[in-house]
Amino acid sequence: MDVKVTLTSWALIELCTSTGEAAELVVYGTPSKAPDEFVLTSAVDLIEQDGEDSALVTTRNSLYRVVGPGRHYRLPLVALPLLREGQDPGEVAKRYNREKREPGYVKQALSRRKRLKF
């Protein structure tokens, strides 16, 4: 499978149920060749380290490259329509009083395991 798009300024988002359990994991990011647009992936199946500062994100039908440290958020499932509209995950997190985890969360996890299967 070929890389569909390379994403910068990206975030790994855990969409959680009302009880706090992660129901789905998606990636939101800015395409490197279209900085005024955004991509919201379908559910993530696998993340693999692809270099010092990048990773490959596999969904059911697509492969994405993410570059840079990324951000990490735990948001309620009801936030999904806001993400689909293109609202920044950081702003959505503020709306729901959810703090983000430190930048580099995925990179740190990958450095321990090289692959994250979901």
PDB file of N, CA and C in Angstrom:
ATOM      1  N   MET A   1       0.851  -1.169   0.000  1.00  0.00           N
ATOM      2  CA  MET A   1       0.000   0.000   0.000  1.00  0.00           C
ATOM      3  C   MET A   1       0.903   1.240   0.000  1.00  0.00           C
ATOM      4  N   ASP A   2       0.592   2.202  -0.843  1.00  0.00           N
ATOM      5  CA  ASP A   2       1.354   3.447  -0.931  1.00  0.00           C
ATOM      6  C   ASP A   2       0.840   4.467   0.064  1.00  0.00           C
ATOM      7  N   VAL A   3       1.729   5.365   0.486  1.00  0.00           N
ATOM      8  CA  VAL A   3       1.339   6.436   1.394  1.00  0.00           C
ATOM      9  C   VAL A   3       0.368   7.362   0.668  1.00  0.00           C
ATOM     10  N   LYS A   4      -0.791   7.550   1.257  1.00  0.00           N
ATOM     11  CA  LYS A   4      -1.831   8.392   0.669  1.00  0.00           C
ATOM     12  C   LYS A   4      -1.462   9.870   0.779  1.00  0.00           C
ATOM     13  N   VAL A   5      -1.010  10.274   1.975  1.00  0.00           N
ATOM     14  CA  VAL A   5      -0.654  11.667   2.209  1.00  0.00           C
ATOM     15  C   VAL A   5       0.271  11.734   3.429  1.00  0.00           C
ATOM     16  N   THR A   6       1.138  12.743   3.438  1.00  0.00           N
ATOM     17  CA  THR A   6       1.995  13.007   4.586  1.00  0.00           C
ATOM     18  C   THR A   6       1.353  14.118   5.397  1.00  0.00           C
ATOM     19  N   LEU A   7       1.210  13.884   6.705  1.00  0.00           N
ATOM     20  CA  LEU A   7       0.558  14.839   7.593  1.00  0.00           C
ATOM     21  C   LEU A   7       1.570  15.496   8.529  1.00  0.00           C
ATOM     22  N   THR A   8       1.447  16.809   8.655  1.00  0.00           N
ATOM     23  CA  THR A   8       2.231  17.563   9.625  1.00  0.00           C
ATOM     24  C   THR A   8       1.231  18.168  10.609  1.00  0.00           C
ATOM     25  N   SER A   9       1.708  18.764  11.668  1.00  0.00           N
ATOM     26  CA  SER A   9       0.810  19.355  12.682  1.00  0.00           C
ATOM     27  C   SER A   9      -0.341  18.390  12.958  1.00  0.00           C
ATOM     28  N   TRP A  10       0.022  17.201  13.375  1.00  0.00           N
ATOM     29  CA  TRP A  10      -0.962  16.137  13.514  1.00  0.00           C
ATOM     30  C   TRP A  10      -1.233  15.807  14.981  1.00  0.00           C
ATOM     31  N   ALA A  11      -2.356  15.106  15.183  1.00  0.00           N
ATOM     32  CA  ALA A  11      -2.743  14.693  16.531  1.00  0.00           C
ATOM     33  C   ALA A  11      -3.325  13.284  16.478  1.00  0.00           C
ATOM     34  N   LEU A  12      -2.957  12.491  17.457  1.00  0.00           N
ATOM     35  CA  LEU A  12      -3.555  11.183  17.673  1.00  0.00           C
ATOM     36  C   LEU A  12      -4.697  11.411  18.652  1.00  0.00           C
ATOM     37  N   ILE A  13      -5.899  10.997  18.274  1.00  0.00           N
ATOM     38  CA  ILE A  13      -7.079  11.295  19.085  1.00  0.00           C
ATOM     39  C   ILE A  13      -7.765  10.005  19.495  1.00  0.00           C
ATOM     40  N   GLU A  14      -7.871   9.799  20.799  1.00  0.00           N
ATOM     41  CA  GLU A  14      -8.653   8.695  21.335  1.00  0.00           C
ATOM     42  C   GLU A  14     -10.067   9.222  21.549  1.00  0.00           C
ATOM     43  N   LEU A  15     -11.021   8.627  20.858  1.00  0.00           N
ATOM     44  CA  LEU A  15     -12.422   8.987  21.045  1.00  0.00           C
ATOM     45  C   LEU A  15     -12.990   8.031  22.084  1.00  0.00           C
ATOM     46  N   CYS A  16     -13.492   8.592  23.174  1.00  0.00           N
ATOM     47  CA  CYS A  16     -13.863   7.785  24.334  1.00  0.00           C
ATOM     48  C   CYS A  16     -15.365   7.777  24.574  1.00  0.00           C
ATOM     49  N   THR A  17     -15.816   6.673  25.152  1.00  0.00           N
ATOM     50  CA  THR A  17     -17.217   6.549  25.556  1.00  0.00           C
ATOM     51  C   THR A  17     -17.456   7.410  26.791  1.00  0.00           C
ATOM     52  N   SER A  18     -18.706   7.486  27.218  1.00  0.00           N
ATOM     53  CA  SER A  18     -19.036   8.278  28.406  1.00  0.00           C
ATOM     54  C   SER A  18     -18.403   7.711  29.674  1.00  0.00           C
ATOM     55  N   THR A  19     -17.998   6.440  29.630  1.00  0.00           N
ATOM     56  CA  THR A  19     -17.329   5.833  30.788  1.00  0.00           C
ATOM     57  C   THR A  19     -15.814   6.002  30.731  1.00  0.00           C
ATOM     58  N   GLY A  20     -15.304   6.657  29.665  1.00  0.00           N
ATOM     59  CA  GLY A  20     -13.882   6.931  29.564  1.00  0.00           C
ATOM     60  C   GLY A  20     -13.079   5.887  28.816  1.00  0.00           C
ATOM     61  N   GLU A  21     -13.733   4.849  28.302  1.00  0.00           N
ATOM     62  CA  GLU A  21     -13.020   3.814  27.550  1.00  0.00           C
ATOM     63  C   GLU A  21     -12.803   4.278  26.113  1.00  0.00           C
ATOM     64  N   ALA A  22     -11.618   4.022  25.587  1.00  0.00           N
ATOM     65  CA  ALA A  22     -11.330   4.390  24.205  1.00  0.00           C
ATOM     66  C   ALA A  22     -12.160   3.528  23.260  1.00  0.00           C
ATOM     67  N   ALA A  23     -12.974   4.179  22.445  1.00  0.00           N
ATOM     68  CA  ALA A  23     -13.821   3.473  21.496  1.00  0.00           C
ATOM     69  C   ALA A  23     -13.174   3.410  20.119  1.00  0.00           C
ATOM     70  N   GLU A  24     -12.406   4.437  19.788  1.00  0.00           N
ATOM     71  CA  GLU A  24     -11.790   4.508  18.464  1.00  0.00           C
ATOM     72  C   GLU A  24     -10.593   5.432  18.527  1.00  0.00           C
ATOM     73  N   LEU A  25      -9.621   5.167  17.688  1.00  0.00           N
ATOM     74  CA  LEU A  25      -8.420   5.978  17.607  1.00  0.00           C
ATOM     75  C   LEU A  25      -8.321   6.501  16.181  1.00  0.00           C
ATOM     76  N   VAL A  26      -8.173   7.824  16.025  1.00  0.00           N
ATOM     77  CA  VAL A  26      -8.067   8.445  14.707  1.00  0.00           C
ATOM     78  C   VAL A  26      -6.895   9.417  14.716  1.00  0.00           C
ATOM     79  N   VAL A  27      -6.498   9.842  13.528  1.00  0.00           N
ATOM     80  CA  VAL A  27      -5.452  10.858  13.394  1.00  0.00           C
ATOM     81  C   VAL A  27      -6.040  12.037  12.638  1.00  0.00           C
ATOM     82  N   TYR A  28      -5.727  13.224  13.123  1.00  0.00           N
ATOM     83  CA  TYR A  28      -6.137  14.477  12.498  1.00  0.00           C
ATOM     84  C   TYR A  28      -4.846  15.224  12.159  1.00  0.00           C
ATOM     85  N   GLY A  29      -4.744  15.739  10.948  1.00  0.00           N
ATOM     86  CA  GLY A  29      -3.529  16.460  10.602  1.00  0.00           C
ATOM     87  C   GLY A  29      -3.661  17.323   9.375  1.00  0.00           C
ATOM     88  N   THR A  30      -2.621  18.088   9.124  1.00  0.00           N
ATOM     89  CA  THR A  30      -2.552  18.984   7.978  1.00  0.00           C
ATOM     90  C   THR A  30      -1.704  18.328   6.891  1.00  0.00           C
ATOM     91  N   PRO A  31      -2.247  18.177   5.676  1.00  0.00           N
ATOM     92  CA  PRO A  31      -1.442  17.615   4.586  1.00  0.00           C
ATOM     93  C   PRO A  31      -0.251  18.529   4.270  1.00  0.00           C
ATOM     94  N   SER A  32       0.914  17.948   4.089  1.00  0.00           N
ATOM     95  CA  SER A  32       2.115  18.746   3.832  1.00  0.00           C
ATOM     96  C   SER A  32       2.008  19.546   2.537  1.00  0.00           C
ATOM     97  N   LYS A  33       1.263  19.048   1.561  1.00  0.00           N
ATOM     98  CA  LYS A  33       1.148  19.741   0.272  1.00  0.00           C
ATOM     99  C   LYS A  33      -0.099  20.619   0.176  1.00  0.00           C
ATOM    100  N   ALA A  34      -0.913  20.645   1.226  1.00  0.00           N
ATOM    101  CA  ALA A  34      -2.129  21.471   1.230  1.00  0.00           C
ATOM    102  C   ALA A  34      -2.346  22.012   2.645  1.00  0.00           C
ATOM    103  N   PRO A  35      -1.530  22.974   3.079  1.00  0.00           N
ATOM    104  CA  PRO A  35      -1.560  23.434   4.466  1.00  0.00           C
ATOM    105  C   PRO A  35      -2.856  24.111   4.903  1.00  0.00           C
ATOM    106  N   ASP A  36      -3.744  24.441   3.978  1.00  0.00           N
ATOM    107  CA  ASP A  36      -5.023  25.052   4.344  1.00  0.00           C
ATOM    108  C   ASP A  36      -6.131  24.018   4.498  1.00  0.00           C
ATOM    109  N   GLU A  37      -5.798  22.750   4.341  1.00  0.00           N
ATOM    110  CA  GLU A  37      -6.792  21.682   4.438  1.00  0.00           C
ATOM    111  C   GLU A  37      -6.487  20.821   5.657  1.00  0.00           C
ATOM    112  N   PHE A  38      -7.339  19.833   5.903  1.00  0.00           N
ATOM    113  CA  PHE A  38      -7.107  18.913   7.005  1.00  0.00           C
ATOM    114  C   PHE A  38      -7.521  17.509   6.581  1.00  0.00           C
ATOM    115  N   VAL A  39      -7.008  16.512   7.297  1.00  0.00           N
ATOM    116  CA  VAL A  39      -7.370  15.116   7.091  1.00  0.00           C
ATOM    117  C   VAL A  39      -7.779  14.544   8.438  1.00  0.00           C
ATOM    118  N   LEU A  40      -8.888  13.853   8.466  1.00  0.00           N
ATOM    119  CA  LEU A  40      -9.309  13.076   9.626  1.00  0.00           C
ATOM    120  C   LEU A  40      -9.406  11.640   9.133  1.00  0.00           C
ATOM    121  N   THR A  41      -8.555  10.773   9.662  1.00  0.00           N
ATOM    122  CA  THR A  41      -8.515   9.393   9.179  1.00  0.00           C
ATOM    123  C   THR A  41      -9.685   8.586   9.725  1.00  0.00           C
ATOM    124  N   SER A  42      -9.869   7.428   9.145  1.00  0.00           N
ATOM    125  CA  SER A  42     -10.770   6.454   9.753  1.00  0.00           C
ATOM    126  C   SER A  42     -10.009   5.801  10.909  1.00  0.00           C
ATOM    127  N   ALA A  43     -10.588   4.815  11.533  1.00  0.00           N
ATOM    128  CA  ALA A  43      -9.987   4.185  12.707  1.00  0.00           C
ATOM    129  C   ALA A  43      -8.585   3.654  12.399  1.00  0.00           C
ATOM    130  N   VAL A  44      -7.660   3.905  13.308  1.00  0.00           N
ATOM    131  CA  VAL A  44      -6.267   3.477  13.166  1.00  0.00           C
ATOM    132  C   VAL A  44      -6.132   2.020  13.580  1.00  0.00           C
ATOM    133  N   ASP A  45      -5.438   1.240  12.740  1.00  0.00           N
ATOM    134  CA  ASP A  45      -5.156  -0.160  13.055  1.00  0.00           C
ATOM    135  C   ASP A  45      -3.745  -0.349  13.593  1.00  0.00           C
ATOM    136  N   LEU A  46      -2.794   0.436  13.049  1.00  0.00           N
ATOM    137  CA  LEU A  46      -1.389   0.215  13.374  1.00  0.00           C
ATOM    138  C   LEU A  46      -0.596   1.500  13.177  1.00  0.00           C
ATOM    139  N   ILE A  47       0.372   1.740  14.063  1.00  0.00           N
ATOM    140  CA  ILE A  47       1.325   2.828  13.897  1.00  0.00           C
ATOM    141  C   ILE A  47       2.718   2.218  13.997  1.00  0.00           C
ATOM    142  N   GLU A  48       3.563   2.504  12.990  1.00  0.00           N
ATOM    143  CA  GLU A  48       4.927   1.973  12.971  1.00  0.00           C
ATOM    144  C   GLU A  48       5.917   3.105  12.790  1.00  0.00           C
ATOM    145  N   GLN A  49       6.999   3.063  13.519  1.00  0.00           N
ATOM    146  CA  GLN A  49       8.050   4.054  13.353  1.00  0.00           C
ATOM    147  C   GLN A  49       8.609   3.939  11.941  1.00  0.00           C
ATOM    148  N   ASP A  50       8.832   5.110  11.307  1.00  0.00           N
ATOM    149  CA  ASP A  50       9.291   5.131   9.919  1.00  0.00           C
ATOM    150  C   ASP A  50      10.595   5.891   9.773  1.00  0.00           C
ATOM    151  N   GLY A  51      11.109   6.414  10.812  1.00  0.00           N
ATOM    152  CA  GLY A  51      12.336   7.193  10.770  1.00  0.00           C
ATOM    153  C   GLY A  51      12.484   7.902  12.086  1.00  0.00           C
ATOM    154  N   GLU A  52      13.492   8.751  12.161  1.00  0.00           N
ATOM    155  CA  GLU A  52      13.750   9.473  13.406  1.00  0.00           C
ATOM    156  C   GLU A  52      12.576  10.347  13.807  1.00  0.00           C
ATOM    157  N   ASP A  53      11.931  10.985  12.818  1.00  0.00           N
ATOM    158  CA  ASP A  53      10.884  11.958  13.127  1.00  0.00           C
ATOM    159  C   ASP A  53       9.582  11.677  12.379  1.00  0.00           C
ATOM    160  N   SER A  54       9.333  10.410  12.033  1.00  0.00           N
ATOM    161  CA  SER A  54       8.091  10.104  11.319  1.00  0.00           C
ATOM    162  C   SER A  54       7.595   8.707  11.669  1.00  0.00           C
ATOM    163  N   ALA A  55       6.319   8.484  11.380  1.00  0.00           N
ATOM    164  CA  ALA A  55       5.696   7.182  11.609  1.00  0.00           C
ATOM    165  C   ALA A  55       4.696   6.926  10.490  1.00  0.00           C
ATOM    166  N   LEU A  56       4.393   5.665  10.268  1.00  0.00           N
ATOM    167  CA  LEU A  56       3.373   5.270   9.308  1.00  0.00           C
ATOM    168  C   LEU A  56       2.126   4.864  10.073  1.00  0.00           C
ATOM    169  N   VAL A  57       0.995   5.394   9.650  1.00  0.00           N
ATOM    170  CA  VAL A  57      -0.288   5.118  10.290  1.00  0.00           C
ATOM    171  C   VAL A  57      -1.129   4.338   9.285  1.00  0.00           C
ATOM    172  N   THR A  58      -1.527   3.129   9.687  1.00  0.00           N
ATOM    173  CA  THR A  58      -2.343   2.286   8.823  1.00  0.00           C
ATOM    174  C   THR A  58      -3.785   2.276   9.332  1.00  0.00           C
ATOM    175  N   THR A  59      -4.702   2.562   8.417  1.00  0.00           N
ATOM    176  CA  THR A  59      -6.123   2.406   8.700  1.00  0.00           C
ATOM    177  C   THR A  59      -6.602   1.227   7.862  1.00  0.00           C
ATOM    178  N   ARG A  60      -7.870   0.971   7.862  1.00  0.00           N
ATOM    179  CA  ARG A  60      -8.374  -0.189   7.125  1.00  0.00           C
ATOM    180  C   ARG A  60      -8.020  -0.136   5.636  1.00  0.00           C
ATOM    181  N   ASN A  61      -8.132   1.053   5.032  1.00  0.00           N
ATOM    182  CA  ASN A  61      -7.935   1.162   3.587  1.00  0.00           C
ATOM    183  C   ASN A  61      -6.822   2.106   3.155  1.00  0.00           C
ATOM    184  N   SER A  62      -6.145   2.770   4.103  1.00  0.00           N
ATOM    185  CA  SER A  62      -5.175   3.792   3.729  1.00  0.00           C
ATOM    186  C   SER A  62      -3.929   3.733   4.596  1.00  0.00           C
ATOM    187  N   LEU A  63      -2.869   4.337   4.053  1.00  0.00           N
ATOM    188  CA  LEU A  63      -1.606   4.448   4.758  1.00  0.00           C
ATOM    189  C   LEU A  63      -1.204   5.922   4.743  1.00  0.00           C
ATOM    190  N   TYR A  64      -0.886   6.462   5.919  1.00  0.00           N
ATOM    191  CA  TYR A  64      -0.492   7.860   6.065  1.00  0.00           C
ATOM    192  C   TYR A  64       0.885   7.921   6.705  1.00  0.00           C
ATOM    193  N   ARG A  65       1.639   8.969   6.377  1.00  0.00           N
ATOM    194  CA  ARG A  65       2.897   9.241   7.068  1.00  0.00           C
ATOM    195  C   ARG A  65       2.651  10.471   7.931  1.00  0.00           C
ATOM    196  N   VAL A  66       3.046  10.412   9.198  1.00  0.00           N
ATOM    197  CA  VAL A  66       2.971  11.566  10.084  1.00  0.00           C
ATOM    198  C   VAL A  66       4.393  11.990  10.408  1.00  0.00           C
ATOM    199  N   VAL A  67       4.616  13.302  10.391  1.00  0.00           N
ATOM    200  CA  VAL A  67       5.950  13.848  10.588  1.00  0.00           C
ATOM    201  C   VAL A  67       5.918  14.823  11.757  1.00  0.00           C
ATOM    202  N   GLY A  68       6.900  14.706  12.616  1.00  0.00           N
ATOM    203  CA  GLY A  68       6.984  15.579  13.779  1.00  0.00           C
ATOM    204  C   GLY A  68       6.458  14.879  15.016  1.00  0.00           C
ATOM    205  N   PRO A  69       6.479  15.589  16.143  1.00  0.00           N
ATOM    206  CA  PRO A  69       6.135  14.952  17.415  1.00  0.00           C
ATOM    207  C   PRO A  69       4.662  14.610  17.579  1.00  0.00           C
ATOM    208  N   GLY A  70       3.769  15.322  16.958  1.00  0.00           N
ATOM    209  CA  GLY A  70       2.347  15.052  17.122  1.00  0.00           C
ATOM    210  C   GLY A  70       1.843  15.437  18.504  1.00  0.00           C
ATOM    211  N   ARG A  71       0.534  15.488  18.622  1.00  0.00           N
ATOM    212  CA  ARG A  71      -0.124  15.760  19.898  1.00  0.00           C
ATOM    213  C   ARG A  71      -1.034  14.573  20.206  1.00  0.00           C
ATOM    214  N   HIS A  72      -1.513  14.488  21.412  1.00  0.00           N
ATOM    215  CA  HIS A  72      -2.367  13.377  21.812  1.00  0.00           C
ATOM    216  C   HIS A  72      -3.519  13.920  22.653  1.00  0.00           C
ATOM    217  N   TYR A  73      -4.738  13.527  22.282  1.00  0.00           N
ATOM    218  CA  TYR A  73      -5.923  13.971  23.011  1.00  0.00           C
ATOM    219  C   TYR A  73      -6.832  12.785  23.294  1.00  0.00           C
ATOM    220  N   ARG A  74      -7.540  12.863  24.401  1.00  0.00           N
ATOM    221  CA  ARG A  74      -8.634  11.935  24.734  1.00  0.00           C
ATOM    222  C   ARG A  74      -9.902  12.773  24.719  1.00  0.00           C
ATOM    223  N   LEU A  75     -10.745  12.558  23.718  1.00  0.00           N
ATOM    224  CA  LEU A  75     -11.960  13.347  23.554  1.00  0.00           C
ATOM    225  C   LEU A  75     -13.183  12.442  23.600  1.00  0.00           C
ATOM    226  N   PRO A  76     -14.325  12.997  23.990  1.00  0.00           N
ATOM    227  CA  PRO A  76     -15.547  12.189  23.973  1.00  0.00           C
ATOM    228  C   PRO A  76     -15.991  11.922  22.533  1.00  0.00           C
ATOM    229  N   LEU A  77     -16.667  10.822  22.316  1.00  0.00           N
ATOM    230  CA  LEU A  77     -17.173  10.481  20.979  1.00  0.00           C
ATOM    231  C   LEU A  77     -18.026  11.597  20.382  1.00  0.00           C
ATOM    232  N   VAL A  78     -18.740  12.331  21.230  1.00  0.00           N
ATOM    233  CA  VAL A  78     -19.609  13.400  20.726  1.00  0.00           C
ATOM    234  C   VAL A  78     -18.807  14.534  20.085  1.00  0.00           C
ATOM    235  N   ALA A  79     -17.481  14.541  20.247  1.00  0.00           N
ATOM    236  CA  ALA A  79     -16.639  15.566  19.625  1.00  0.00           C
ATOM    237  C   ALA A  79     -16.348  15.257  18.162  1.00  0.00           C
ATOM    238  N   LEU A  80     -16.637  14.057  17.716  1.00  0.00           N
ATOM    239  CA  LEU A  80     -16.305  13.653  16.348  1.00  0.00           C
ATOM    240  C   LEU A  80     -16.883  14.586  15.277  1.00  0.00           C
ATOM    241  N   PRO A  81     -18.139  15.025  15.359  1.00  0.00           N
ATOM    242  CA  PRO A  81     -18.643  15.953  14.325  1.00  0.00           C
ATOM    243  C   PRO A  81     -17.840  17.251  14.234  1.00  0.00           C
ATOM    244  N   LEU A  82     -17.327  17.742  15.347  1.00  0.00           N
ATOM    245  CA  LEU A  82     -16.521  18.964  15.324  1.00  0.00           C
ATOM    246  C   LEU A  82     -15.209  18.725  14.584  1.00  0.00           C
ATOM    247  N   LEU A  83     -14.609  17.568  14.792  1.00  0.00           N
ATOM    248  CA  LEU A  83     -13.378  17.223  14.076  1.00  0.00           C
ATOM    249  C   LEU A  83     -13.656  17.077  12.586  1.00  0.00           C
ATOM    250  N   ARG A  84     -14.769  16.462  12.255  1.00  0.00           N
ATOM    251  CA  ARG A  84     -15.131  16.299  10.832  1.00  0.00           C
ATOM    252  C   ARG A  84     -15.349  17.637  10.139  1.00  0.00           C
ATOM    253  N   GLU A  85     -15.766  18.652  10.914  1.00  0.00           N
ATOM    254  CA  GLU A  85     -15.940  19.999  10.357  1.00  0.00           C
ATOM    255  C   GLU A  85     -14.603  20.705  10.149  1.00  0.00           C
ATOM    256  N   GLY A  86     -13.536  20.145  10.716  1.00  0.00           N
ATOM    257  CA  GLY A  86     -12.224  20.743  10.557  1.00  0.00           C
ATOM    258  C   GLY A  86     -11.757  21.561  11.741  1.00  0.00           C
ATOM    259  N   GLN A  87     -12.459  21.478  12.864  1.00  0.00           N
ATOM    260  CA  GLN A  87     -12.028  22.217  14.046  1.00  0.00           C
ATOM    261  C   GLN A  87     -10.773  21.583  14.624  1.00  0.00           C
ATOM    262  N   ASP A  88      -9.835  22.415  15.029  1.00  0.00           N
ATOM    263  CA  ASP A  88      -8.577  21.951  15.585  1.00  0.00           C
ATOM    264  C   ASP A  88      -8.822  21.130  16.848  1.00  0.00           C
ATOM    265  N   PRO A  89      -8.168  19.974  16.959  1.00  0.00           N
ATOM    266  CA  PRO A  89      -8.353  19.134  18.148  1.00  0.00           C
ATOM    267  C   PRO A  89      -8.035  19.845  19.459  1.00  0.00           C
ATOM    268  N   GLY A  90      -7.071  20.763  19.446  1.00  0.00           N
ATOM    269  CA  GLY A  90      -6.745  21.516  20.649  1.00  0.00           C
ATOM    270  C   GLY A  90      -7.903  22.386  21.102  1.00  0.00           C
ATOM    271  N   GLU A  91      -8.580  23.020  20.145  1.00  0.00           N
ATOM    272  CA  GLU A  91      -9.741  23.843  20.477  1.00  0.00           C
ATOM    273  C   GLU A  91     -10.906  22.978  20.948  1.00  0.00           C
ATOM    274  N   VAL A  92     -11.068  21.832  20.316  1.00  0.00           N
ATOM    275  CA  VAL A  92     -12.137  20.905  20.724  1.00  0.00           C
ATOM    276  C   VAL A  92     -11.859  20.402  22.143  1.00  0.00           C
ATOM    277  N   ALA A  93     -10.609  20.118  22.438  1.00  0.00           N
ATOM    278  CA  ALA A  93     -10.240  19.644  23.780  1.00  0.00           C
ATOM    279  C   ALA A  93     -10.566  20.704  24.837  1.00  0.00           C
ATOM    280  N   LYS A  94     -10.294  21.972  24.525  1.00  0.00           N
ATOM    281  CA  LYS A  94     -10.629  23.044  25.466  1.00  0.00           C
ATOM    282  C   LYS A  94     -12.133  23.097  25.709  1.00  0.00           C
ATOM    283  N   ARG A  95     -12.890  22.909  24.649  1.00  0.00           N
ATOM    284  CA  ARG A  95     -14.355  22.959  24.761  1.00  0.00           C
ATOM    285  C   ARG A  95     -14.873  21.898  25.734  1.00  0.00           C
ATOM    286  N   TYR A  96     -14.223  20.751  25.734  1.00  0.00           N
ATOM    287  CA  TYR A  96     -14.641  19.646  26.604  1.00  0.00           C
ATOM    288  C   TYR A  96     -13.773  19.521  27.859  1.00  0.00           C
ATOM    289  N   ASN A  97     -12.960  20.532  28.125  1.00  0.00           N
ATOM    290  CA  ASN A  97     -12.078  20.536  29.298  1.00  0.00           C
ATOM    291  C   ASN A  97     -11.211  19.283  29.375  1.00  0.00           C
ATOM    292  N   ARG A  98     -10.623  18.931  28.244  1.00  0.00           N
ATOM    293  CA  ARG A  98      -9.723  17.781  28.185  1.00  0.00           C
ATOM    294  C   ARG A  98      -8.325  18.284  27.900  1.00  0.00           C
ATOM    295  N   GLU A  99      -7.402  17.984  28.765  1.00  0.00           N
ATOM    296  CA  GLU A  99      -6.045  18.448  28.529  1.00  0.00           C
ATOM    297  C   GLU A  99      -5.321  17.473  27.610  1.00  0.00           C
ATOM    298  N   LYS A 100      -4.424  18.003  26.835  1.00  0.00           N
ATOM    299  CA  LYS A 100      -3.652  17.147  25.945  1.00  0.00           C
ATOM    300  C   LYS A 100      -2.488  16.533  26.691  1.00  0.00           C
ATOM    301  N   ARG A 101      -2.014  15.433  26.184  1.00  0.00           N
ATOM    302  CA  ARG A 101      -0.781  14.856  26.713  1.00  0.00           C
ATOM    303  C   ARG A 101       0.386  15.560  26.062  1.00  0.00           C
ATOM    304  N   GLU A 102       1.536  15.339  26.586  1.00  0.00           N
ATOM    305  CA  GLU A 102       2.727  16.021  26.094  1.00  0.00           C
ATOM    306  C   GLU A 102       3.013  15.688  24.632  1.00  0.00           C
ATOM    307  N   PRO A 103       3.562  16.651  23.865  1.00  0.00           N
ATOM    308  CA  PRO A 103       3.988  16.340  22.499  1.00  0.00           C
ATOM    309  C   PRO A 103       4.989  15.190  22.529  1.00  0.00           C
ATOM    310  N   GLY A 104       4.970  14.395  21.495  1.00  0.00           N
ATOM    311  CA  GLY A 104       5.895  13.281  21.411  1.00  0.00           C
ATOM    312  C   GLY A 104       5.385  12.002  22.047  1.00  0.00           C
ATOM    313  N   TYR A 105       4.119  11.977  22.464  1.00  0.00           N
ATOM    314  CA  TYR A 105       3.548  10.789  23.106  1.00  0.00           C
ATOM    315  C   TYR A 105       3.718   9.543  22.232  1.00  0.00           C
ATOM    316  N   VAL A 106       3.361   9.659  20.957  1.00  0.00           N
ATOM    317  CA  VAL A 106       3.446   8.506  20.057  1.00  0.00           C
ATOM    318  C   VAL A 106       4.904   8.120  19.841  1.00  0.00           C
ATOM    319  N   LYS A 107       5.765   9.106  19.645  1.00  0.00           N
ATOM    320  CA  LYS A 107       7.187   8.819  19.437  1.00  0.00           C
ATOM    321  C   LYS A 107       7.773   8.088  20.643  1.00  0.00           C
ATOM    322  N   GLN A 108       7.400   8.510  21.841  1.00  0.00           N
ATOM    323  CA  GLN A 108       7.891   7.847  23.045  1.00  0.00           C
ATOM    324  C   GLN A 108       7.388   6.410  23.113  1.00  0.00           C
ATOM    325  N   ALA A 109       6.112   6.216  22.794  1.00  0.00           N
ATOM    326  CA  ALA A 109       5.551   4.866  22.818  1.00  0.00           C
ATOM    327  C   ALA A 109       6.220   3.993  21.766  1.00  0.00           C
ATOM    328  N   LEU A 110       6.456   4.549  20.576  1.00  0.00           N
ATOM    329  CA  LEU A 110       7.099   3.779  19.514  1.00  0.00           C
ATOM    330  C   LEU A 110       8.542   3.447  19.861  1.00  0.00           C
ATOM    331  N   SER A 111       9.218   4.341  20.559  1.00  0.00           N
ATOM    332  CA  SER A 111      10.614   4.070  20.900  1.00  0.00           C
ATOM    333  C   SER A 111      10.712   2.866  21.829  1.00  0.00           C
ATOM    334  N   ARG A 112       9.668   2.599  22.565  1.00  0.00           N
ATOM    335  CA  ARG A 112       9.662   1.437  23.452  1.00  0.00           C
ATOM    336  C   ARG A 112       9.257   0.163  22.704  1.00  0.00           C
ATOM    337  N   ARG A 113       8.347   0.297  21.673  1.00  0.00           N
ATOM    338  CA  ARG A 113       7.798  -0.898  21.052  1.00  0.00           C
ATOM    339  C   ARG A 113       7.958  -0.969  19.543  1.00  0.00           C
ATOM    340  N   LYS A 114       8.281   0.092  18.860  1.00  0.00           N
ATOM    341  CA  LYS A 114       8.450   0.180  17.398  1.00  0.00           C
ATOM    342  C   LYS A 114       7.137   0.038  16.622  1.00  0.00           C
ATOM    343  N   ARG A 115       6.182  -0.714  17.138  1.00  0.00           N
ATOM    344  CA  ARG A 115       4.872  -0.876  16.489  1.00  0.00           C
ATOM    345  C   ARG A 115       3.794  -0.761  17.546  1.00  0.00           C
ATOM    346  N   LEU A 116       2.743  -0.061  17.247  1.00  0.00           N
ATOM    347  CA  LEU A 116       1.592   0.027  18.146  1.00  0.00           C
ATOM    348  C   LEU A 116       0.389  -0.518  17.403  1.00  0.00           C
ATOM    349  N   LYS A 117      -0.091  -1.676  17.815  1.00  0.00           N
ATOM    350  CA  LYS A 117      -1.236  -2.324  17.168  1.00  0.00           C
ATOM    351  C   LYS A 117      -2.493  -1.989  17.955  1.00  0.00           C
ATOM    352  N   PHE A 118      -3.533  -1.599  17.253  1.00  0.00           N
ATOM    353  CA  PHE A 118      -4.781  -1.216  17.920  1.00  0.00           C
ATOM    354  C   PHE A 118      -5.907  -2.132  17.511  1.00  0.00           C
TER     355      PHE A 118
END
